Protein backbone atom coordinates (compact mmCIF):
# COMPACT_ATOMS: atom_id res chain seq x y z
CA UNK A 1 11.00 14.96 -13.78
CA UNK A 2 11.44 16.33 -10.26
CA UNK A 3 7.73 15.88 -9.56
CA UNK A 4 7.86 12.31 -10.90
CA UNK A 5 10.77 11.54 -8.56
CA UNK A 6 8.82 12.71 -5.51
CA UNK A 7 5.71 10.81 -6.58
CA UNK A 8 7.74 7.63 -7.01
CA UNK A 9 9.22 8.17 -3.55
CA UNK A 10 5.78 8.61 -1.97
CA UNK A 11 4.46 5.52 -3.75
CA UNK A 12 7.48 3.49 -2.71
CA UNK A 13 7.09 4.43 0.96
CA UNK A 14 3.34 3.76 0.90
CA UNK A 15 3.80 0.36 -0.75
CA UNK A 16 6.65 -0.35 1.64
CA UNK A 17 4.37 0.26 4.62
CA UNK A 18 1.60 -1.87 3.11
CA UNK A 19 3.73 -4.90 2.23
CA UNK A 20 5.76 -4.69 5.43
CA UNK A 21 2.56 -5.55 7.32
CA UNK A 22 1.86 -8.80 5.43
CA UNK A 23 4.04 -11.06 7.61
CA UNK A 24 3.04 -9.16 10.76
CA UNK A 25 -0.74 -8.80 10.78
CA UNK A 26 -1.72 -12.45 11.09
CA UNK A 27 0.67 -13.26 14.01
CA UNK A 28 -0.37 -9.97 15.66
CA UNK A 29 -4.03 -10.93 15.41
CA UNK A 30 -3.25 -14.38 16.81
CA UNK A 31 -1.47 -12.74 19.76
CA UNK A 32 -4.68 -10.80 20.44
CA UNK A 33 -6.68 -14.04 20.57
CA UNK A 34 -8.26 -13.84 17.10
CA UNK A 35 -9.60 -17.03 15.51
CA UNK A 36 -8.75 -17.98 11.89
CA UNK A 37 -12.23 -16.97 10.71
CA UNK A 38 -11.77 -13.51 12.20
CA UNK A 39 -8.29 -13.21 10.69
CA UNK A 40 -9.77 -13.98 7.28
CA UNK A 41 -12.25 -11.11 7.72
CA UNK A 42 -9.49 -8.82 8.93
CA UNK A 43 -7.40 -9.54 5.83
CA UNK A 44 -10.35 -9.18 3.49
CA UNK A 45 -11.91 -6.04 4.97
CA UNK A 46 -9.00 -3.97 3.66
CA UNK A 47 -9.89 -4.84 0.05
CA UNK A 48 -13.61 -4.38 0.71
CA UNK A 49 -13.20 -0.82 2.02
CA UNK A 50 -10.62 -0.14 -0.71
CA UNK A 51 -13.41 -0.55 -3.27
CA UNK A 52 -15.62 2.44 -2.33
CA UNK A 53 -12.49 4.53 -1.82
CA UNK A 54 -11.41 3.87 -5.39
CA UNK A 55 -14.86 4.68 -6.74
CA UNK A 56 -14.96 8.00 -4.88
CA UNK A 57 -11.34 8.83 -5.74
CA UNK A 58 -11.96 8.67 -9.48
CA UNK A 59 -14.49 11.50 -9.30
CA UNK A 60 -12.99 13.79 -6.66
CA UNK A 61 -9.44 13.66 -8.03
CA UNK A 62 -10.63 14.79 -11.47
CA UNK A 63 -12.61 17.58 -9.83
CA UNK A 64 -10.14 18.87 -7.24
CA UNK A 65 -6.73 17.60 -8.39
CA UNK A 66 -4.37 15.08 -6.82
CA UNK A 67 -2.36 17.05 -4.28
CA UNK A 68 -4.83 17.20 -1.40
CA UNK A 69 -5.70 13.52 -1.70
CA UNK A 70 -2.07 12.39 -1.73
CA UNK A 71 -1.45 14.36 1.47
CA UNK A 72 -4.72 13.19 3.05
CA UNK A 73 -4.05 9.54 2.26
CA UNK A 74 -0.50 9.52 3.61
CA UNK A 75 -1.26 11.42 6.83
CA UNK A 76 -4.46 9.47 7.57
CA UNK A 77 -2.82 6.10 7.00
CA UNK A 78 0.06 7.13 9.28
CA UNK A 79 -2.29 8.13 12.10
CA UNK A 80 -4.18 4.84 11.73
CA UNK A 81 -0.93 2.88 12.05
CA UNK A 82 -0.05 4.81 15.22
CA UNK A 83 -3.45 3.89 16.67
CA UNK A 84 -2.86 0.29 15.59
CA UNK A 85 0.13 0.10 17.93
CA UNK A 86 -2.25 0.51 20.89
CA UNK A 87 -4.75 -2.17 19.83
CA UNK A 88 -5.71 -4.62 22.58
CA UNK A 89 -8.73 -6.41 21.10
CA UNK A 90 -9.25 -8.08 17.71
CA UNK A 91 -12.30 -5.96 16.82
CA UNK A 92 -10.19 -2.80 17.18
CA UNK A 93 -7.73 -4.16 14.63
CA UNK A 94 -10.62 -4.96 12.27
CA UNK A 95 -11.94 -1.39 12.48
CA UNK A 96 -8.52 0.17 11.89
CA UNK A 97 -7.78 -2.13 8.94
CA UNK A 98 -11.09 -1.14 7.34
CA UNK A 99 -10.29 2.56 7.76
CA UNK A 100 -6.78 2.03 6.38
CA UNK A 101 -8.17 0.36 3.26
CA UNK A 102 -10.46 3.31 2.61
CA UNK A 103 -7.92 6.13 3.04
CA UNK A 104 -5.15 4.42 1.07
CA UNK A 105 -7.54 3.87 -1.84
CA UNK A 106 -6.99 7.54 -2.79
CA UNK A 107 -3.19 7.41 -2.98
CA UNK A 108 -2.47 5.33 -6.06
CA UNK A 109 -5.15 6.90 -8.33
CA UNK A 110 -4.04 10.39 -7.26
CA UNK A 111 -0.37 9.68 -7.97
CA UNK A 112 -1.16 8.01 -11.30
CA UNK A 113 -3.36 10.93 -12.37
CA UNK A 114 -0.63 13.41 -11.48
CA UNK A 115 2.02 11.32 -13.27
CA UNK A 116 -0.14 11.20 -16.41
CA UNK A 117 -0.58 15.00 -16.32
CA UNK A 118 3.19 15.61 -16.33
CA UNK A 119 3.38 15.02 -20.08
CA UNK A 120 1.12 15.12 -23.12
CA UNK A 121 3.32 12.61 -24.98
CA UNK A 122 1.80 9.07 -24.85
CA UNK A 123 5.26 7.47 -24.94
CA UNK A 124 6.45 9.52 -21.97
CA UNK A 125 3.22 8.78 -20.12
CA UNK A 126 3.79 5.07 -20.74
CA UNK A 127 7.27 5.34 -19.24
CA UNK A 128 5.82 7.02 -16.15
CA UNK A 129 3.29 4.19 -15.77
CA UNK A 130 6.00 1.56 -16.20
CA UNK A 131 8.02 3.32 -13.50
CA UNK A 132 5.02 3.00 -11.20
CA UNK A 133 4.99 -0.78 -11.72
CA UNK A 134 8.71 -1.12 -11.06
CA UNK A 135 8.45 0.97 -7.86
CA UNK A 136 5.59 -1.20 -6.62
CA UNK A 137 7.53 -4.40 -7.27
CA UNK A 138 10.74 -3.13 -5.66
CA UNK A 139 8.83 -2.11 -2.54
CA UNK A 140 7.20 -5.53 -2.34
CA UNK A 141 10.64 -7.18 -2.62
CA UNK A 142 12.20 -5.25 0.25
CA UNK A 143 9.37 -4.55 2.66
CA UNK A 144 8.18 -8.01 3.88
CA UNK A 145 11.66 -8.98 5.05
CA UNK A 146 12.20 -5.49 6.48
CA UNK A 147 8.89 -5.62 8.36
CA UNK A 148 9.77 -9.00 9.83
CA UNK A 149 13.19 -7.70 10.88
CA UNK A 150 11.66 -4.64 12.58
CA UNK A 151 9.11 -6.67 14.53
CA UNK A 152 11.82 -9.09 15.65
CA UNK A 153 13.75 -6.19 17.19
CA UNK A 154 11.02 -3.70 18.20
CA UNK A 155 7.92 -5.83 18.74
CA UNK A 156 4.47 -5.26 17.24
CA UNK A 157 3.81 -1.91 18.88
CA UNK A 158 7.20 -0.48 17.95
CA UNK A 159 6.83 -1.70 14.37
CA UNK A 160 3.44 -0.08 13.84
CA UNK A 161 4.67 3.16 15.39
CA UNK A 162 7.75 3.20 13.13
CA UNK A 163 5.67 2.59 10.01
CA UNK A 164 3.10 5.17 11.11
CA UNK A 165 5.63 7.93 11.68
CA UNK A 166 7.25 7.08 8.34
CA UNK A 167 3.94 7.68 6.55
CA UNK A 168 3.28 10.89 8.46
CA UNK A 169 6.74 12.20 7.57
CA UNK A 170 6.06 11.28 3.95
CA UNK A 171 2.77 13.19 4.07
CA UNK A 172 4.57 16.27 5.39
CA UNK A 173 7.10 16.01 2.54
CA UNK A 174 4.22 15.71 0.08
CA UNK A 175 2.74 18.97 1.43
CA UNK A 176 5.87 20.83 0.36
CA UNK A 177 6.92 18.83 -2.72
CA UNK A 178 3.73 17.93 -4.60
CA UNK A 179 2.71 20.75 -6.97
CA UNK A 180 -0.77 22.22 -6.91
CA UNK A 181 -3.28 21.42 -9.65
CA UNK A 182 -2.86 24.89 -11.15
CA UNK A 183 0.87 24.44 -11.73
CA UNK A 184 0.37 20.98 -13.18
CA UNK A 185 -2.35 22.16 -15.55
CA UNK A 186 -0.63 25.31 -16.76
CA UNK A 187 0.64 23.52 -19.86
CA UNK A 188 -2.69 21.82 -20.60
CA UNK A 189 -5.04 22.99 -23.36
CA UNK A 190 -7.24 25.98 -22.50
CA UNK A 191 -10.46 24.03 -22.63
CA UNK A 192 -9.03 21.51 -20.14
CA UNK A 193 -8.01 24.29 -17.75
CA UNK A 194 -11.46 25.88 -17.92
CA UNK A 195 -13.02 22.54 -16.94
CA UNK A 196 -10.46 22.17 -14.11
CA UNK A 197 -9.82 18.57 -15.08
CA UNK A 198 -6.70 16.67 -15.96
CA UNK A 199 -6.07 16.03 -19.65
CA UNK A 200 -7.41 12.68 -20.75
CA UNK A 201 -7.42 10.63 -23.89
CA UNK A 202 -10.62 11.36 -25.78
CA UNK A 203 -10.93 7.67 -26.57
CA UNK A 204 -11.55 6.98 -22.89
CA UNK A 205 -14.59 9.22 -22.94
CA UNK A 206 -16.45 7.02 -25.42
CA UNK A 207 -18.72 4.13 -24.48
CA UNK A 208 -16.79 0.96 -23.56
CA UNK A 209 -16.63 -1.83 -26.11
CA UNK A 210 -18.83 -4.79 -25.20
CA UNK A 211 -16.64 -7.23 -23.28
CA UNK A 212 -17.98 -10.48 -21.93
CA UNK A 213 -18.26 -10.44 -18.13
CA UNK A 214 -16.46 -13.79 -18.11
CA UNK A 215 -13.18 -12.02 -18.92
CA UNK A 216 -13.44 -10.23 -15.57
CA UNK A 217 -13.43 -13.59 -13.78
CA UNK A 218 -9.69 -13.70 -14.54
CA UNK A 219 -8.67 -10.77 -12.28
CA UNK A 220 -11.22 -12.00 -9.72
CA UNK A 221 -9.79 -15.53 -9.40
CA UNK A 222 -6.17 -14.29 -9.46
CA UNK A 223 -6.88 -11.78 -6.67
CA UNK A 224 -8.81 -14.43 -4.74
CA UNK A 225 -5.87 -16.85 -4.96
CA UNK A 226 -3.47 -14.10 -3.83
CA UNK A 227 -5.74 -13.30 -0.88
CA UNK A 228 -5.69 -16.96 0.15
CA UNK A 229 -1.89 -16.99 -0.03
CA UNK A 230 -1.52 -13.80 2.02
CA UNK A 231 -3.86 -15.28 4.64
CA UNK A 232 -2.46 -18.80 4.80
CA UNK A 233 1.29 -18.32 4.49
CA UNK A 234 1.82 -16.39 7.78
CA UNK A 235 -0.14 -19.06 9.70
CA UNK A 236 2.64 -21.60 9.14
CA UNK A 237 4.46 -20.27 12.20
CA UNK A 238 3.35 -17.28 14.28
CA UNK A 239 6.48 -17.03 16.42
CA UNK A 240 9.19 -14.42 15.90
CA UNK A 241 11.35 -16.83 13.88
CA UNK A 242 8.28 -17.70 11.81
CA UNK A 243 7.60 -14.01 11.12
CA UNK A 244 11.17 -13.59 9.87
CA UNK A 245 10.90 -16.57 7.53
CA UNK A 246 7.46 -15.44 6.31
CA UNK A 247 8.81 -11.99 5.47
CA UNK A 248 11.60 -13.57 3.44
CA UNK A 249 9.10 -15.82 1.64
CA UNK A 250 6.97 -12.83 0.62
CA UNK A 251 10.11 -11.19 -0.71
CA UNK A 252 10.87 -14.35 -2.72
CA UNK A 253 7.47 -13.98 -4.41
CA UNK A 254 8.27 -10.41 -5.37
CA UNK A 255 11.71 -11.40 -6.68
CA UNK A 256 10.01 -13.95 -8.93
CA UNK A 257 7.62 -11.25 -10.21
CA UNK A 258 10.52 -8.89 -10.84
CA UNK A 259 12.29 -11.63 -12.81
CA UNK A 260 9.50 -12.00 -15.40
CA UNK A 261 8.81 -8.25 -15.46
CA UNK A 262 12.38 -7.79 -16.70
CA UNK A 263 11.86 -10.25 -19.59
CA UNK A 264 10.70 -7.59 -22.04
CA UNK A 265 10.69 -10.00 -25.00
CA UNK A 266 7.57 -11.65 -23.53
CA UNK A 267 5.56 -8.62 -24.66
CA UNK A 268 5.94 -9.86 -28.24
CA UNK A 269 3.64 -12.81 -27.53
CA UNK A 270 -0.15 -12.74 -27.57
CA UNK A 271 -1.68 -11.49 -24.29
CA UNK A 272 -4.05 -14.47 -24.34
CA UNK A 273 -1.14 -16.91 -24.42
CA UNK A 274 0.63 -15.03 -21.62
CA UNK A 275 -2.48 -14.85 -19.42
CA UNK A 276 -3.35 -18.52 -19.93
CA UNK A 277 0.26 -19.61 -19.40
CA UNK A 278 0.64 -17.44 -16.28
CA UNK A 279 -2.59 -18.66 -14.68
CA UNK A 280 -1.71 -22.28 -15.49
CA UNK A 281 1.69 -21.73 -13.85
CA UNK A 282 0.06 -20.13 -10.79
CA UNK A 283 -2.50 -22.93 -10.51
CA UNK A 284 0.27 -25.55 -10.59
CA UNK A 285 2.05 -23.68 -7.79
CA UNK A 286 -1.05 -23.73 -5.58
CA UNK A 287 -1.53 -27.44 -6.32
CA UNK A 288 2.07 -27.99 -5.24
CA UNK A 289 1.46 -26.04 -2.02
CA UNK A 290 -1.61 -28.18 -1.28
CA UNK A 291 -0.44 -31.65 -2.30
CA UNK A 292 3.34 -31.75 -2.84
CA UNK A 293 5.06 -30.88 0.45
CA UNK A 294 8.32 -32.49 -0.73
CA UNK A 295 8.97 -29.57 -3.12
CA UNK A 296 10.87 -26.78 -1.29
CA UNK A 297 8.56 -23.89 -0.51
CA UNK A 298 11.03 -21.28 -1.78
CA UNK A 299 11.03 -22.79 -5.27
CA UNK A 300 7.24 -22.88 -5.47
CA UNK A 301 6.85 -19.30 -4.28
CA UNK A 302 9.49 -18.02 -6.73
CA UNK A 303 7.62 -19.63 -9.64
CA UNK A 304 4.34 -18.29 -8.25
CA UNK A 305 5.81 -14.80 -8.19
CA UNK A 306 7.09 -15.26 -11.75
CA UNK A 307 3.54 -16.14 -12.81
CA UNK A 308 2.30 -12.88 -11.27
CA UNK A 309 4.86 -10.90 -13.23
CA UNK A 310 3.60 -12.64 -16.37
CA UNK A 311 -0.14 -12.32 -15.70
CA UNK A 312 -0.69 -8.66 -14.76
CA UNK A 313 0.99 -6.91 -17.74
CA UNK A 314 -0.62 -9.46 -20.09
CA UNK A 315 -4.04 -8.93 -18.52
CA UNK A 316 -3.77 -5.17 -19.05
CA UNK A 317 -2.83 -5.75 -22.71
CA UNK A 318 -5.73 -8.18 -23.09
CA UNK A 319 -8.30 -5.65 -21.88
CA UNK A 320 -6.81 -2.93 -24.08
CA UNK A 321 -7.13 -5.19 -27.14
CA UNK A 322 -10.65 -6.29 -26.25
CA UNK A 323 -11.81 -2.71 -25.77
CA UNK A 324 -10.27 -1.61 -29.07
CA UNK A 325 -8.43 1.22 -27.29
CA UNK A 326 -11.63 2.95 -26.13
CA UNK A 327 -13.35 3.26 -22.77
CA UNK A 328 -10.20 2.19 -20.97
CA UNK A 329 -11.07 4.06 -17.79
CA UNK A 330 -14.28 2.12 -17.30
CA UNK A 331 -12.73 -1.17 -18.39
CA UNK A 332 -9.90 -0.91 -15.88
CA UNK A 333 -12.32 0.24 -13.18
CA UNK A 334 -14.24 -3.02 -13.68
CA UNK A 335 -10.94 -4.88 -13.43
CA UNK A 336 -10.13 -3.10 -10.15
CA UNK A 337 -13.57 -3.93 -8.77
CA UNK A 338 -13.12 -7.60 -9.67
CA UNK A 339 -9.71 -7.68 -7.98
CA UNK A 340 -10.98 -5.92 -4.85
CA UNK A 341 -13.82 -8.42 -4.54
CA UNK A 342 -11.41 -11.31 -5.03
CA UNK A 343 -8.98 -9.90 -2.45
CA UNK A 344 -11.88 -9.74 0.03
CA UNK A 345 -13.47 -13.13 -0.66
CA UNK A 346 -10.17 -15.08 -0.78
CA UNK A 347 -8.99 -14.69 2.83
CA UNK A 348 -12.55 -14.78 4.20
CA UNK A 349 -13.21 -18.11 2.48
CA UNK A 350 -9.82 -19.45 3.57
CA UNK A 351 -10.63 -18.65 7.20
CA UNK A 352 -13.93 -20.53 6.91
CA UNK A 353 -12.66 -23.73 5.28
CA UNK A 354 -9.07 -24.19 6.46
CA UNK A 355 -10.16 -26.63 9.17
CA UNK A 356 -11.74 -28.94 6.58
CA UNK A 357 -9.83 -28.44 3.33
CA UNK A 358 -6.56 -26.85 2.24
CA UNK A 359 -7.22 -23.26 1.09
CA UNK A 360 -4.40 -23.71 -1.42
CA UNK A 361 -6.45 -26.41 -3.16
CA UNK A 362 -9.42 -24.03 -3.34
CA UNK A 363 -7.13 -21.44 -4.97
CA UNK A 364 -6.07 -24.08 -7.50
CA UNK A 365 -9.71 -24.92 -8.33
CA UNK A 366 -10.66 -21.24 -8.68
CA UNK A 367 -7.80 -20.56 -11.09
CA UNK A 368 -8.71 -23.55 -13.25
CA UNK A 369 -12.39 -22.55 -13.27
CA UNK A 370 -11.36 -19.05 -14.33
CA UNK A 371 -9.43 -20.53 -17.26
CA UNK A 372 -12.38 -22.70 -18.28
CA UNK A 373 -14.65 -19.65 -18.29
CA UNK A 374 -12.32 -17.69 -20.58
CA UNK A 375 -14.37 -17.09 -23.75
CA UNK A 376 -12.61 -17.16 -27.10
CA UNK A 377 -15.40 -16.34 -29.56
CA UNK A 378 -14.82 -15.79 -33.29
CA UNK A 379 -14.68 -11.97 -32.98
CA UNK A 380 -12.21 -12.18 -30.10
CA UNK A 381 -9.92 -14.44 -32.09
CA UNK A 382 -10.07 -12.00 -35.01
CA UNK A 383 -9.17 -9.13 -32.67
CA UNK A 384 -6.29 -10.84 -30.89
CA UNK A 385 -4.97 -12.77 -33.90
CA UNK A 386 -5.68 -10.57 -36.92
CA UNK A 387 -3.62 -12.75 -39.30
CA UNK A 388 -5.14 -16.06 -38.28
CA UNK A 389 -8.06 -18.11 -39.61
CA UNK A 390 -10.85 -18.23 -36.98
CA UNK A 391 -12.36 -21.35 -38.57
CA UNK A 392 -9.15 -23.27 -37.88
CA UNK A 393 -8.93 -22.03 -34.28
């Protein structure tokens, strides 16, 4: 339990640093003279470099353990933030954001692998994973407003330095508090220790169940819509007062997500119904942002956040059901790839088209297209609704 506490703390601080930059990066880039197209690339490059980092992390963490990669990720990201405080040209910010995306790609997989190794009981492991989700959401609630407050009092340079030193201090704590792989594996089966790998579910070692590629358009379009929102929302007002209000708005989104995450009775409903309902809700929110300016922005963003809290747990349950409980590692890796691509394409596309068409409307269209591409074949209906009649559906 002590190790889990420290891992949650490291994850919270890392997510805090990441989300605290959302209301800051776009105004900072504008202050450097960056154009909207360049800002779109700057926002998207983080997700693009995150992708190879995740692919590499999956192999090296299993081979060498989590400890060194947790420390490496925290210290490297802190140094990059310190360098970011001295940026004077937009291209320098682009390079540092790309490096930050790569090094932070190791942190979450390493912490999750170490959390999973703390217990052999599936129920306890599930609690650890749920704790990870709650920590992420809490950090995203607090950090945008906190980041906006810091930049209002310390400026851009002081903010990046504060966040950088916070990550470096966290990395130093991780050096002393995170156990080595040997101590984590001492309770694992002998054959696992001989292979120097973390214990895994044998079902995940089998070949993945055939899942239509169209299901992976769902995480892609959701991530793309989120990328558009993270790009477009800070451009409403790039002044200090605008940064403060943007930070609060990002926190409103997270509060909405936390609201639906706490509605545990929703897990009783079919994941298909929850995914479709959540994406429909999110699409309506983006349509409201594009075409209904009379609706208060706070209300729309709260509902949008609530849709996120509904979609992501349901999407995980959907992929588990579709895979039949096997090949989950590969299935979720495909989901991560789809989300990374969407997070890259969304802000890049928004930067290209915002002078001609509202990016929010593009997000609405993408979400509706994703719903239309959702396949519900006979075998899928039988899997998700075992007591139903496929001929009627």
